[in-house]
């Protein structure tokens, strides 16, 4: 194998917590596998958080399934789009949307009148 070995020192409490986690999550075959995956995920999450391109939020399976269902039913093009629409609908008052729509249609009507002449 081309794998390299490292030595990792851990407090007994941390090892105990890791072993309890492994007992509850049989998808991890060993401490080494858990540490490798946890380290990769930590670095990936850290890299995403530092890119300055938005907010990274971890949602549970239930919420992710709900977002996927909303996306699949045409609410938005992606799960992220669903979240954006929900946030927008929650934070922006209805009156603001209605006013923007009125202005957009008025601008369209003015444009149509000008181009028809």
PDB file of N, CA and C in Angstrom:
ATOM      1  N   UNK A   1       0.825  -1.193   0.000  1.00  0.00           N
ATOM      2  CA  UNK A   1       0.000   0.000   0.000  1.00  0.00           C
ATOM      3  C   UNK A   1       0.859   1.242   0.000  1.00  0.00           C
ATOM      4  N   UNK A   2       0.314   2.298  -0.600  1.00  0.00           N
ATOM      5  CA  UNK A   2       1.023   3.577  -0.638  1.00  0.00           C
ATOM      6  C   UNK A   2       0.637   4.490   0.518  1.00  0.00           C
ATOM      7  N   UNK A   3      -0.248   4.026   1.389  1.00  0.00           N
ATOM      8  CA  UNK A   3      -0.684   4.855   2.518  1.00  0.00           C
ATOM      9  C   UNK A   3       0.481   5.151   3.443  1.00  0.00           C
ATOM     10  N   UNK A   4       0.462   6.366   3.978  1.00  0.00           N
ATOM     11  CA  UNK A   4       1.443   6.732   4.990  1.00  0.00           C
ATOM     12  C   UNK A   4       0.774   6.659   6.348  1.00  0.00           C
ATOM     13  N   UNK A   5       1.547   6.432   7.343  1.00  0.00           N
ATOM     14  CA  UNK A   5       1.028   6.366   8.705  1.00  0.00           C
ATOM     15  C   UNK A   5       1.394   7.626   9.457  1.00  0.00           C
ATOM     16  N   UNK A   6       0.481   8.020  10.328  1.00  0.00           N
ATOM     17  CA  UNK A   6       0.768   9.109  11.249  1.00  0.00           C
ATOM     18  C   UNK A   6       0.381   8.633  12.645  1.00  0.00           C
ATOM     19  N   UNK A   7       0.916   9.289  13.627  1.00  0.00           N
ATOM     20  CA  UNK A   7       0.557   8.991  15.012  1.00  0.00           C
ATOM     21  C   UNK A   7      -0.289  10.137  15.521  1.00  0.00           C
ATOM     22  N   UNK A   8      -1.369   9.788  16.164  1.00  0.00           N
ATOM     23  CA  UNK A   8      -2.287  10.791  16.685  1.00  0.00           C
ATOM     24  C   UNK A   8      -2.496  10.532  18.167  1.00  0.00           C
ATOM     25  N   UNK A   9      -2.220  11.515  18.968  1.00  0.00           N
ATOM     26  CA  UNK A   9      -2.446  11.386  20.405  1.00  0.00           C
ATOM     27  C   UNK A   9      -3.790  12.017  20.730  1.00  0.00           C
ATOM     28  N   UNK A  10      -4.580  11.303  21.532  1.00  0.00           N
ATOM     29  CA  UNK A  10      -5.899  11.791  21.915  1.00  0.00           C
ATOM     30  C   UNK A  10      -6.132  11.549  23.396  1.00  0.00           C
ATOM     31  N   UNK A  11      -6.938  12.404  23.968  1.00  0.00           N
ATOM     32  CA  UNK A  11      -7.330  12.244  25.365  1.00  0.00           C
ATOM     33  C   UNK A  11      -8.238  11.013  25.480  1.00  0.00           C
ATOM     34  N   UNK A  12      -8.214  10.335  26.601  1.00  0.00           N
ATOM     35  CA  UNK A  12      -9.078   9.159  26.787  1.00  0.00           C
ATOM     36  C   UNK A  12     -10.564   9.471  26.581  1.00  0.00           C
ATOM     37  N   UNK A  13     -11.007  10.653  27.010  1.00  0.00           N
ATOM     38  CA  UNK A  13     -12.415  11.021  26.808  1.00  0.00           C
ATOM     39  C   UNK A  13     -12.767  11.119  25.326  1.00  0.00           C
ATOM     40  N   UNK A  14     -11.843  11.668  24.532  1.00  0.00           N
ATOM     41  CA  UNK A  14     -12.083  11.781  23.095  1.00  0.00           C
ATOM     42  C   UNK A  14     -12.142  10.402  22.437  1.00  0.00           C
ATOM     43  N   UNK A  15     -11.275   9.516  22.852  1.00  0.00           N
ATOM     44  CA  UNK A  15     -11.284   8.155  22.316  1.00  0.00           C
ATOM     45  C   UNK A  15     -12.587   7.456  22.688  1.00  0.00           C
ATOM     46  N   UNK A  16     -13.021   7.648  23.921  1.00  0.00           N
ATOM     47  CA  UNK A  16     -14.281   7.052  24.358  1.00  0.00           C
ATOM     48  C   UNK A  16     -15.440   7.579  23.501  1.00  0.00           C
ATOM     49  N   UNK A  17     -15.492   8.896  23.291  1.00  0.00           N
ATOM     50  CA  UNK A  17     -16.556   9.475  22.466  1.00  0.00           C
ATOM     51  C   UNK A  17     -16.508   8.923  21.042  1.00  0.00           C
ATOM     52  N   UNK A  18     -15.303   8.753  20.504  1.00  0.00           N
ATOM     53  CA  UNK A  18     -15.159   8.212  19.166  1.00  0.00           C
ATOM     54  C   UNK A  18     -15.668   6.768  19.120  1.00  0.00           C
ATOM     55  N   UNK A  19     -15.332   5.969  20.132  1.00  0.00           N
ATOM     56  CA  UNK A  19     -15.774   4.578  20.170  1.00  0.00           C
ATOM     57  C   UNK A  19     -17.296   4.473  20.316  1.00  0.00           C
ATOM     58  N   UNK A  20     -17.887   5.338  21.107  1.00  0.00           N
ATOM     59  CA  UNK A  20     -19.351   5.351  21.227  1.00  0.00           C
ATOM     60  C   UNK A  20     -19.970   5.702  19.875  1.00  0.00           C
ATOM     61  N   UNK A  21     -19.400   6.703  19.211  1.00  0.00           N
ATOM     62  CA  UNK A  21     -19.884   7.095  17.889  1.00  0.00           C
ATOM     63  C   UNK A  21     -19.791   5.924  16.918  1.00  0.00           C
ATOM     64  N   UNK A  22     -18.656   5.229  16.929  1.00  0.00           N
ATOM     65  CA  UNK A  22     -18.473   4.080  16.038  1.00  0.00           C
ATOM     66  C   UNK A  22     -19.481   2.972  16.335  1.00  0.00           C
ATOM     67  N   UNK A  23     -19.789   2.755  17.599  1.00  0.00           N
ATOM     68  CA  UNK A  23     -20.793   1.746  17.961  1.00  0.00           C
ATOM     69  C   UNK A  23     -22.163   2.104  17.404  1.00  0.00           C
ATOM     70  N   UNK A  24     -22.458   3.391  17.353  1.00  0.00           N
ATOM     71  CA  UNK A  24     -23.761   3.861  16.872  1.00  0.00           C
ATOM     72  C   UNK A  24     -23.803   4.039  15.359  1.00  0.00           C
ATOM     73  N   UNK A  25     -22.651   4.007  14.701  1.00  0.00           N
ATOM     74  CA  UNK A  25     -22.572   4.241  13.250  1.00  0.00           C
ATOM     75  C   UNK A  25     -21.745   3.133  12.593  1.00  0.00           C
ATOM     76  N   UNK A  26     -22.373   1.987  12.341  1.00  0.00           N
ATOM     77  CA  UNK A  26     -21.635   0.858  11.775  1.00  0.00           C
ATOM     78  C   UNK A  26     -21.130   1.085  10.349  1.00  0.00           C
ATOM     79  N   UNK A  27     -21.553   2.190   9.721  1.00  0.00           N
ATOM     80  CA  UNK A  27     -21.044   2.480   8.379  1.00  0.00           C
ATOM     81  C   UNK A  27     -19.556   2.822   8.384  1.00  0.00           C
ATOM     82  N   UNK A  28     -19.014   3.127   9.566  1.00  0.00           N
ATOM     83  CA  UNK A  28     -17.576   3.359   9.701  1.00  0.00           C
ATOM     84  C   UNK A  28     -16.946   2.076  10.214  1.00  0.00           C
ATOM     85  N   UNK A  29     -15.951   1.584   9.484  1.00  0.00           N
ATOM     86  CA  UNK A  29     -15.374   0.281   9.820  1.00  0.00           C
ATOM     87  C   UNK A  29     -14.279   0.352  10.879  1.00  0.00           C
ATOM     88  N   UNK A  30     -13.731   1.545  11.097  1.00  0.00           N
ATOM     89  CA  UNK A  30     -12.616   1.637  12.044  1.00  0.00           C
ATOM     90  C   UNK A  30     -12.421   3.083  12.498  1.00  0.00           C
ATOM     91  N   UNK A  31     -11.624   3.228  13.524  1.00  0.00           N
ATOM     92  CA  UNK A  31     -11.253   4.574  13.970  1.00  0.00           C
ATOM     93  C   UNK A  31     -10.547   5.322  12.849  1.00  0.00           C
ATOM     94  N   UNK A  32      -9.653   4.620  12.161  1.00  0.00           N
ATOM     95  CA  UNK A  32      -8.889   5.270  11.088  1.00  0.00           C
ATOM     96  C   UNK A  32      -9.808   5.807  10.000  1.00  0.00           C
ATOM     97  N   UNK A  33     -10.787   4.998   9.602  1.00  0.00           N
ATOM     98  CA  UNK A  33     -11.702   5.449   8.560  1.00  0.00           C
ATOM     99  C   UNK A  33     -12.483   6.672   9.040  1.00  0.00           C
ATOM    100  N   UNK A  34     -12.972   6.617  10.267  1.00  0.00           N
ATOM    101  CA  UNK A  34     -13.716   7.753  10.819  1.00  0.00           C
ATOM    102  C   UNK A  34     -12.853   9.011  10.841  1.00  0.00           C
ATOM    103  N   UNK A  35     -11.630   8.897  11.303  1.00  0.00           N
ATOM    104  CA  UNK A  35     -10.736  10.062  11.384  1.00  0.00           C
ATOM    105  C   UNK A  35     -10.445  10.608   9.990  1.00  0.00           C
ATOM    106  N   UNK A  36     -10.190   9.727   9.011  1.00  0.00           N
ATOM    107  CA  UNK A  36      -9.920  10.185   7.636  1.00  0.00           C
ATOM    108  C   UNK A  36     -11.114  10.962   7.077  1.00  0.00           C
ATOM    109  N   UNK A  37     -12.312  10.383   7.226  1.00  0.00           N
ATOM    110  CA  UNK A  37     -13.509  11.030   6.682  1.00  0.00           C
ATOM    111  C   UNK A  37     -13.798  12.331   7.426  1.00  0.00           C
ATOM    112  N   UNK A  38     -13.671  12.310   8.749  1.00  0.00           N
ATOM    113  CA  UNK A  38     -13.922  13.519   9.532  1.00  0.00           C
ATOM    114  C   UNK A  38     -12.945  14.631   9.148  1.00  0.00           C
ATOM    115  N   UNK A  39     -11.699  14.284   8.954  1.00  0.00           N
ATOM    116  CA  UNK A  39     -10.693  15.278   8.578  1.00  0.00           C
ATOM    117  C   UNK A  39     -10.987  15.853   7.191  1.00  0.00           C
ATOM    118  N   UNK A  40     -11.330  14.991   6.230  1.00  0.00           N
ATOM    119  CA  UNK A  40     -11.679  15.476   4.885  1.00  0.00           C
ATOM    120  C   UNK A  40     -12.883  16.418   4.947  1.00  0.00           C
ATOM    121  N   UNK A  41     -13.915  15.998   5.681  1.00  0.00           N
ATOM    122  CA  UNK A  41     -15.112  16.835   5.784  1.00  0.00           C
ATOM    123  C   UNK A  41     -14.818  18.166   6.469  1.00  0.00           C
ATOM    124  N   UNK A  42     -13.991  18.129   7.491  1.00  0.00           N
ATOM    125  CA  UNK A  42     -13.623  19.363   8.185  1.00  0.00           C
ATOM    126  C   UNK A  42     -12.893  20.313   7.241  1.00  0.00           C
ATOM    127  N   UNK A  43     -11.951  19.790   6.483  1.00  0.00           N
ATOM    128  CA  UNK A  43     -11.196  20.653   5.565  1.00  0.00           C
ATOM    129  C   UNK A  43     -12.091  21.167   4.441  1.00  0.00           C
ATOM    130  N   UNK A  44     -12.987  20.327   3.948  1.00  0.00           N
ATOM    131  CA  UNK A  44     -13.902  20.751   2.890  1.00  0.00           C
ATOM    132  C   UNK A  44     -14.842  21.839   3.408  1.00  0.00           C
ATOM    133  N   UNK A  45     -15.384  21.646   4.604  1.00  0.00           N
ATOM    134  CA  UNK A  45     -16.271  22.634   5.204  1.00  0.00           C
ATOM    135  C   UNK A  45     -15.532  23.945   5.451  1.00  0.00           C
ATOM    136  N   UNK A  46     -14.321  23.844   5.944  1.00  0.00           N
ATOM    137  CA  UNK A  46     -13.522  25.036   6.213  1.00  0.00           C
ATOM    138  C   UNK A  46     -13.230  25.786   4.920  1.00  0.00           C
ATOM    139  N   UNK A  47     -12.928  25.061   3.865  1.00  0.00           N
ATOM    140  CA  UNK A  47     -12.650  25.693   2.572  1.00  0.00           C
ATOM    141  C   UNK A  47     -13.898  26.394   2.045  1.00  0.00           C
ATOM    142  N   UNK A  48     -15.064  25.787   2.218  1.00  0.00           N
ATOM    143  CA  UNK A  48     -16.305  26.412   1.769  1.00  0.00           C
ATOM    144  C   UNK A  48     -16.601  27.661   2.577  1.00  0.00           C
ATOM    145  N   UNK A  49     -16.353  27.603   3.869  1.00  0.00           N
ATOM    146  CA  UNK A  49     -16.647  28.749   4.728  1.00  0.00           C
ATOM    147  C   UNK A  49     -15.751  29.927   4.408  1.00  0.00           C
ATOM    148  N   UNK A  50     -14.542  29.664   3.933  1.00  0.00           N
ATOM    149  CA  UNK A  50     -13.591  30.736   3.666  1.00  0.00           C
ATOM    150  C   UNK A  50     -13.701  31.324   2.268  1.00  0.00           C
ATOM    151  N   UNK A  51     -14.563  30.763   1.404  1.00  0.00           N
ATOM    152  CA  UNK A  51     -14.593  31.266   0.040  1.00  0.00           C
ATOM    153  C   UNK A  51     -15.353  32.584  -0.092  1.00  0.00           C
ATOM    154  N   UNK A  52     -16.027  33.019   0.979  1.00  0.00           N
ATOM    155  CA  UNK A  52     -16.712  34.303   0.963  1.00  0.00           C
ATOM    156  C   UNK A  52     -17.881  34.357   0.012  1.00  0.00           C
ATOM    157  N   UNK A  53     -18.377  33.196  -0.406  1.00  0.00           N
ATOM    158  CA  UNK A  53     -19.417  33.154  -1.425  1.00  0.00           C
ATOM    159  C   UNK A  53     -20.757  32.741  -0.828  1.00  0.00           C
ATOM    160  N   UNK A  54     -21.066  33.187   0.357  1.00  0.00           N
ATOM    161  CA  UNK A  54     -22.364  32.869   0.929  1.00  0.00           C
ATOM    162  C   UNK A  54     -22.249  32.241   2.294  1.00  0.00           C
ATOM    163  N   UNK A  55     -23.312  31.580   2.665  1.00  0.00           N
ATOM    164  CA  UNK A  55     -23.429  30.981   3.979  1.00  0.00           C
ATOM    165  C   UNK A  55     -23.550  29.473   3.817  1.00  0.00           C
ATOM    166  N   UNK A  56     -22.801  28.726   4.584  1.00  0.00           N
ATOM    167  CA  UNK A  56     -22.889  27.269   4.563  1.00  0.00           C
ATOM    168  C   UNK A  56     -23.701  26.842   5.775  1.00  0.00           C
ATOM    169  N   UNK A  57     -24.782  26.117   5.520  1.00  0.00           N
ATOM    170  CA  UNK A  57     -25.662  25.641   6.586  1.00  0.00           C
ATOM    171  C   UNK A  57     -25.837  24.144   6.414  1.00  0.00           C
ATOM    172  N   UNK A  58     -25.676  23.402   7.497  1.00  0.00           N
ATOM    173  CA  UNK A  58     -25.891  21.963   7.442  1.00  0.00           C
ATOM    174  C   UNK A  58     -27.308  21.678   7.908  1.00  0.00           C
ATOM    175  N   UNK A  59     -28.071  21.002   7.052  1.00  0.00           N
ATOM    176  CA  UNK A  59     -29.444  20.644   7.371  1.00  0.00           C
ATOM    177  C   UNK A  59     -29.550  19.136   7.511  1.00  0.00           C
ATOM    178  N   UNK A  60     -30.458  18.700   8.335  1.00  0.00           N
ATOM    179  CA  UNK A  60     -30.689  17.280   8.517  1.00  0.00           C
ATOM    180  C   UNK A  60     -31.392  16.658   7.318  1.00  0.00           C
ATOM    181  N   UNK A  61     -31.447  15.329   7.316  1.00  0.00           N
ATOM    182  CA  UNK A  61     -32.048  14.586   6.209  1.00  0.00           C
ATOM    183  C   UNK A  61     -33.490  14.997   5.941  1.00  0.00           C
ATOM    184  N   UNK A  62     -34.254  15.203   6.995  1.00  0.00           N
ATOM    185  CA  UNK A  62     -35.666  15.563   6.831  1.00  0.00           C
ATOM    186  C   UNK A  62     -35.816  16.858   6.035  1.00  0.00           C
ATOM    187  N   UNK A  63     -35.014  17.858   6.381  1.00  0.00           N
ATOM    188  CA  UNK A  63     -35.090  19.129   5.677  1.00  0.00           C
ATOM    189  C   UNK A  63     -34.556  19.016   4.253  1.00  0.00           C
ATOM    190  N   UNK A  64     -33.510  18.249   4.078  1.00  0.00           N
ATOM    191  CA  UNK A  64     -32.962  18.078   2.729  1.00  0.00           C
ATOM    192  C   UNK A  64     -33.970  17.381   1.819  1.00  0.00           C
ATOM    193  N   UNK A  65     -34.673  16.370   2.355  1.00  0.00           N
ATOM    194  CA  UNK A  65     -35.709  15.699   1.553  1.00  0.00           C
ATOM    195  C   UNK A  65     -36.814  16.687   1.186  1.00  0.00           C
ATOM    196  N   UNK A  66     -37.206  17.523   2.143  1.00  0.00           N
ATOM    197  CA  UNK A  66     -38.246  18.517   1.861  1.00  0.00           C
ATOM    198  C   UNK A  66     -37.786  19.500   0.784  1.00  0.00           C
ATOM    199  N   UNK A  67     -36.544  19.947   0.860  1.00  0.00           N
ATOM    200  CA  UNK A  67     -36.016  20.864  -0.154  1.00  0.00           C
ATOM    201  C   UNK A  67     -35.991  20.200  -1.523  1.00  0.00           C
ATOM    202  N   UNK A  68     -35.598  18.938  -1.570  1.00  0.00           N
ATOM    203  CA  UNK A  68     -35.552  18.212  -2.837  1.00  0.00           C
ATOM    204  C   UNK A  68     -36.949  18.056  -3.430  1.00  0.00           C
ATOM    205  N   UNK A  69     -37.920  17.759  -2.590  1.00  0.00           N
ATOM    206  CA  UNK A  69     -39.299  17.628  -3.067  1.00  0.00           C
ATOM    207  C   UNK A  69     -39.800  18.956  -3.620  1.00  0.00           C
ATOM    208  N   UNK A  70     -39.529  20.052  -2.907  1.00  0.00           N
ATOM    209  CA  UNK A  70     -39.921  21.366  -3.413  1.00  0.00           C
ATOM    210  C   UNK A  70     -39.251  21.668  -4.751  1.00  0.00           C
ATOM    211  N   UNK A  71     -37.968  21.338  -4.865  1.00  0.00           N
ATOM    212  CA  UNK A  71     -37.246  21.549  -6.128  1.00  0.00           C
ATOM    213  C   UNK A  71     -37.867  20.711  -7.236  1.00  0.00           C
ATOM    214  N   UNK A  72     -38.114  19.440  -6.951  1.00  0.00           N
ATOM    215  CA  UNK A  72     -38.676  18.533  -7.958  1.00  0.00           C
ATOM    216  C   UNK A  72     -40.070  18.950  -8.401  1.00  0.00           C
ATOM    217  N   UNK A  73     -40.779  19.682  -7.548  1.00  0.00           N
ATOM    218  CA  UNK A  73     -42.122  20.156  -7.887  1.00  0.00           C
ATOM    219  C   UNK A  73     -42.120  21.553  -8.497  1.00  0.00           C
ATOM    220  N   UNK A  74     -40.928  22.048  -8.863  1.00  0.00           N
ATOM    221  CA  UNK A  74     -40.831  23.293  -9.607  1.00  0.00           C
ATOM    222  C   UNK A  74     -40.760  24.559  -8.785  1.00  0.00           C
ATOM    223  N   UNK A  75     -40.585  24.451  -7.484  1.00  0.00           N
ATOM    224  CA  UNK A  75     -40.490  25.647  -6.647  1.00  0.00           C
ATOM    225  C   UNK A  75     -39.241  26.455  -6.972  1.00  0.00           C
ATOM    226  N   UNK A  76     -38.174  25.758  -7.354  1.00  0.00           N
ATOM    227  CA  UNK A  76     -36.914  26.405  -7.748  1.00  0.00           C
ATOM    228  C   UNK A  76     -36.097  25.388  -8.539  1.00  0.00           C
ATOM    229  N   UNK A  77     -34.981  25.842  -9.104  1.00  0.00           N
ATOM    230  CA  UNK A  77     -34.138  24.964  -9.925  1.00  0.00           C
ATOM    231  C   UNK A  77     -33.191  24.092  -9.116  1.00  0.00           C
ATOM    232  N   UNK A  78     -32.977  24.438  -7.851  1.00  0.00           N
ATOM    233  CA  UNK A  78     -32.044  23.690  -7.009  1.00  0.00           C
ATOM    234  C   UNK A  78     -32.490  23.802  -5.560  1.00  0.00           C
ATOM    235  N   UNK A  79     -31.902  22.958  -4.717  1.00  0.00           N
ATOM    236  CA  UNK A  79     -32.210  23.043  -3.294  1.00  0.00           C
ATOM    237  C   UNK A  79     -31.792  24.406  -2.740  1.00  0.00           C
ATOM    238  N   UNK A  80     -30.637  24.906  -3.195  1.00  0.00           N
ATOM    239  CA  UNK A  80     -30.190  26.229  -2.751  1.00  0.00           C
ATOM    240  C   UNK A  80     -31.174  27.303  -3.194  1.00  0.00           C
ATOM    241  N   UNK A  81     -31.721  27.147  -4.396  1.00  0.00           N
ATOM    242  CA  UNK A  81     -32.728  28.083  -4.887  1.00  0.00           C
ATOM    243  C   UNK A  81     -33.988  28.059  -4.045  1.00  0.00           C
ATOM    244  N   UNK A  82     -34.373  26.871  -3.590  1.00  0.00           N
ATOM    245  CA  UNK A  82     -35.537  26.752  -2.702  1.00  0.00           C
ATOM    246  C   UNK A  82     -35.282  27.539  -1.421  1.00  0.00           C
ATOM    247  N   UNK A  83     -34.108  27.357  -0.842  1.00  0.00           N
ATOM    248  CA  UNK A  83     -33.775  28.071   0.396  1.00  0.00           C
ATOM    249  C   UNK A  83     -33.803  29.576   0.151  1.00  0.00           C
ATOM    250  N   UNK A  84     -33.237  30.023  -0.966  1.00  0.00           N
ATOM    251  CA  UNK A  84     -33.231  31.454  -1.266  1.00  0.00           C
ATOM    252  C   UNK A  84     -34.645  32.008  -1.388  1.00  0.00           C
ATOM    253  N   UNK A  85     -35.527  31.262  -2.061  1.00  0.00           N
ATOM    254  CA  UNK A  85     -36.913  31.732  -2.207  1.00  0.00           C
ATOM    255  C   UNK A  85     -37.624  31.786  -0.860  1.00  0.00           C
ATOM    256  N   UNK A  86     -37.389  30.782  -0.017  1.00  0.00           N
ATOM    257  CA  UNK A  86     -38.019  30.768   1.302  1.00  0.00           C
ATOM    258  C   UNK A  86     -37.528  31.948   2.140  1.00  0.00           C
ATOM    259  N   UNK A  87     -36.224  32.179   2.118  1.00  0.00           N
ATOM    260  CA  UNK A  87     -35.666  33.302   2.879  1.00  0.00           C
ATOM    261  C   UNK A  87     -36.224  34.612   2.340  1.00  0.00           C
ATOM    262  N   UNK A  88     -36.273  34.727   1.032  1.00  0.00           N
ATOM    263  CA  UNK A  88     -36.790  35.944   0.413  1.00  0.00           C
ATOM    264  C   UNK A  88     -38.240  36.179   0.825  1.00  0.00           C
ATOM    265  N   UNK A  89     -39.050  35.135   0.764  1.00  0.00           N
ATOM    266  CA  UNK A  89     -40.466  35.272   1.131  1.00  0.00           C
ATOM    267  C   UNK A  89     -40.642  35.565   2.618  1.00  0.00           C
ATOM    268  N   UNK A  90     -39.696  35.116   3.413  1.00  0.00           N
ATOM    269  CA  UNK A  90     -39.788  35.322   4.854  1.00  0.00           C
ATOM    270  C   UNK A  90     -39.310  36.716   5.252  1.00  0.00           C
ATOM    271  N   UNK A  91     -38.243  37.188   4.611  1.00  0.00           N
ATOM    272  CA  UNK A  91     -37.619  38.446   5.036  1.00  0.00           C
ATOM    273  C   UNK A  91     -38.118  39.685   4.309  1.00  0.00           C
ATOM    274  N   UNK A  92     -38.580  39.528   3.075  1.00  0.00           N
ATOM    275  CA  UNK A  92     -39.002  40.683   2.298  1.00  0.00           C
ATOM    276  C   UNK A  92     -40.528  40.811   2.399  1.00  0.00           C
ATOM    277  N   UNK A  93     -41.017  41.947   2.858  1.00  0.00           N
ATOM    278  CA  UNK A  93     -42.470  42.118   3.004  1.00  0.00           C
ATOM    279  C   UNK A  93     -43.200  41.963   1.670  1.00  0.00           C
ATOM    280  N   UNK A  94     -44.418  41.452   1.734  1.00  0.00           N
ATOM    281  CA  UNK A  94     -45.245  41.251   0.535  1.00  0.00           C
ATOM    282  C   UNK A  94     -45.416  42.560  -0.232  1.00  0.00           C
ATOM    283  N   UNK A  95     -45.557  43.653   0.495  1.00  0.00           N
ATOM    284  CA  UNK A  95     -45.752  44.952  -0.158  1.00  0.00           C
ATOM    285  C   UNK A  95     -44.578  45.308  -1.059  1.00  0.00           C
ATOM    286  N   UNK A  96     -43.386  44.927  -0.645  1.00  0.00           N
ATOM    287  CA  UNK A  96     -42.200  45.205  -1.453  1.00  0.00           C
ATOM    288  C   UNK A  96     -42.265  44.457  -2.777  1.00  0.00           C
ATOM    289  N   UNK A  97     -42.677  43.175  -2.723  1.00  0.00           N
ATOM    290  CA  UNK A  97     -42.829  42.404  -3.962  1.00  0.00           C
ATOM    291  C   UNK A  97     -43.910  42.998  -4.855  1.00  0.00           C
ATOM    292  N   UNK A  98     -45.038  43.368  -4.245  1.00  0.00           N
ATOM    293  CA  UNK A  98     -46.148  43.920  -5.024  1.00  0.00           C
ATOM    294  C   UNK A  98     -45.750  45.230  -5.691  1.00  0.00           C
ATOM    295  N   UNK A  99     -45.036  46.078  -4.960  1.00  0.00           N
ATOM    296  CA  UNK A  99     -44.576  47.345  -5.524  1.00  0.00           C
ATOM    297  C   UNK A  99     -43.583  47.114  -6.664  1.00  0.00           C
ATOM    298  N   UNK A 100     -42.680  46.172  -6.474  1.00  0.00           N
ATOM    299  CA  UNK A 100     -41.711  45.861  -7.533  1.00  0.00           C
ATOM    300  C   UNK A 100     -42.428  45.328  -8.772  1.00  0.00           C
ATOM    301  N   UNK A 101     -43.421  44.486  -8.578  1.00  0.00           N
ATOM    302  CA  UNK A 101     -44.175  43.942  -9.716  1.00  0.00           C
ATOM    303  C   UNK A 101     -44.910  45.064 -10.451  1.00  0.00           C
ATOM    304  N   UNK A 102     -45.548  45.984  -9.708  1.00  0.00           N
ATOM    305  CA  UNK A 102     -46.250  47.099 -10.336  1.00  0.00           C
ATOM    306  C   UNK A 102     -45.292  47.930 -11.189  1.00  0.00           C
ATOM    307  N   UNK A 103     -44.115  48.217 -10.620  1.00  0.00           N
ATOM    308  CA  UNK A 103     -43.121  49.009 -11.352  1.00  0.00           C
ATOM    309  C   UNK A 103     -42.639  48.271 -12.598  1.00  0.00           C
ATOM    310  N   UNK A 104     -42.446  46.976 -12.477  1.00  0.00           N
ATOM    311  CA  UNK A 104     -41.969  46.186 -13.615  1.00  0.00           C
ATOM    312  C   UNK A 104     -42.994  46.199 -14.740  1.00  0.00           C
ATOM    313  N   UNK A 105     -44.282  46.005 -14.407  1.00  0.00           N
ATOM    314  CA  UNK A 105     -45.319  46.006 -15.437  1.00  0.00           C
ATOM    315  C   UNK A 105     -45.519  47.394 -16.016  1.00  0.00           C
ATOM    316  N   UNK A 106     -45.417  48.415 -15.189  1.00  0.00           N
ATOM    317  CA  UNK A 106     -45.544  49.783 -15.693  1.00  0.00           C
ATOM    318  C   UNK A 106     -44.406  50.099 -16.652  1.00  0.00           C
ATOM    319  N   UNK A 107     -43.210  49.677 -16.306  1.00  0.00           N
ATOM    320  CA  UNK A 107     -42.064  49.901 -17.188  1.00  0.00           C
ATOM    321  C   UNK A 107     -42.250  49.149 -18.499  1.00  0.00           C
ATOM    322  N   UNK A 108     -42.762  47.937 -18.436  1.00  0.00           N
ATOM    323  CA  UNK A 108     -43.015  47.155 -19.650  1.00  0.00           C
ATOM    324  C   UNK A 108     -44.067  47.852 -20.521  1.00  0.00           C
ATOM    325  N   UNK A 109     -45.137  48.328 -19.879  1.00  0.00           N
ATOM    326  CA  UNK A 109     -46.196  49.011 -20.631  1.00  0.00           C
ATOM    327  C   UNK A 109     -45.661  50.258 -21.304  1.00  0.00           C
ATOM    328  N   UNK A 110     -44.825  51.047 -20.587  1.00  0.00           N
ATOM    329  CA  UNK A 110     -44.232  52.247 -21.175  1.00  0.00           C
ATOM    330  C   UNK A 110     -43.335  51.874 -22.342  1.00  0.00           C
ATOM    331  N   UNK A 111     -42.541  50.815 -22.195  1.00  0.00           N
ATOM    332  CA  UNK A 111     -41.649  50.375 -23.261  1.00  0.00           C
ATOM    333  C   UNK A 111     -42.453  49.954 -24.486  1.00  0.00           C
ATOM    334  N   UNK A 112     -43.534  49.228 -24.247  1.00  0.00           N
ATOM    335  CA  UNK A 112     -44.372  48.754 -25.354  1.00  0.00           C
ATOM    336  C   UNK A 112     -44.992  49.932 -26.095  1.00  0.00           C
ATOM    337  N   UNK A 113     -45.490  50.924 -25.356  1.00  0.00           N
ATOM    338  CA  UNK A 113     -46.075  52.109 -25.978  1.00  0.00           C
ATOM    339  C   UNK A 113     -45.051  52.857 -26.808  1.00  0.00           C
ATOM    340  N   UNK A 114     -43.836  52.980 -26.291  1.00  0.00           N
ATOM    341  CA  UNK A 114     -42.787  53.719 -27.007  1.00  0.00           C
ATOM    342  C   UNK A 114     -42.339  52.986 -28.268  1.00  0.00           C
ATOM    343  N   UNK A 115     -42.262  51.690 -28.213  1.00  0.00           N
ATOM    344  CA  UNK A 115     -41.764  50.942 -29.359  1.00  0.00           C
ATOM    345  C   UNK A 115     -42.822  50.731 -30.430  1.00  0.00           C
ATOM    346  N   UNK A 116     -44.101  50.883 -30.083  1.00  0.00           N
ATOM    347  CA  UNK A 116     -45.173  50.720 -31.059  1.00  0.00           C
ATOM    348  C   UNK A 116     -45.363  51.974 -31.896  1.00  0.00           C
ATOM    349  N   UNK A 117     -44.876  53.108 -31.446  1.00  0.00           N
ATOM    350  CA  UNK A 117     -45.060  54.360 -32.165  1.00  0.00           C
ATOM    351  C   UNK A 117     -44.086  54.509 -33.283  1.00  0.00           C
TER     352      UNK A 117
END
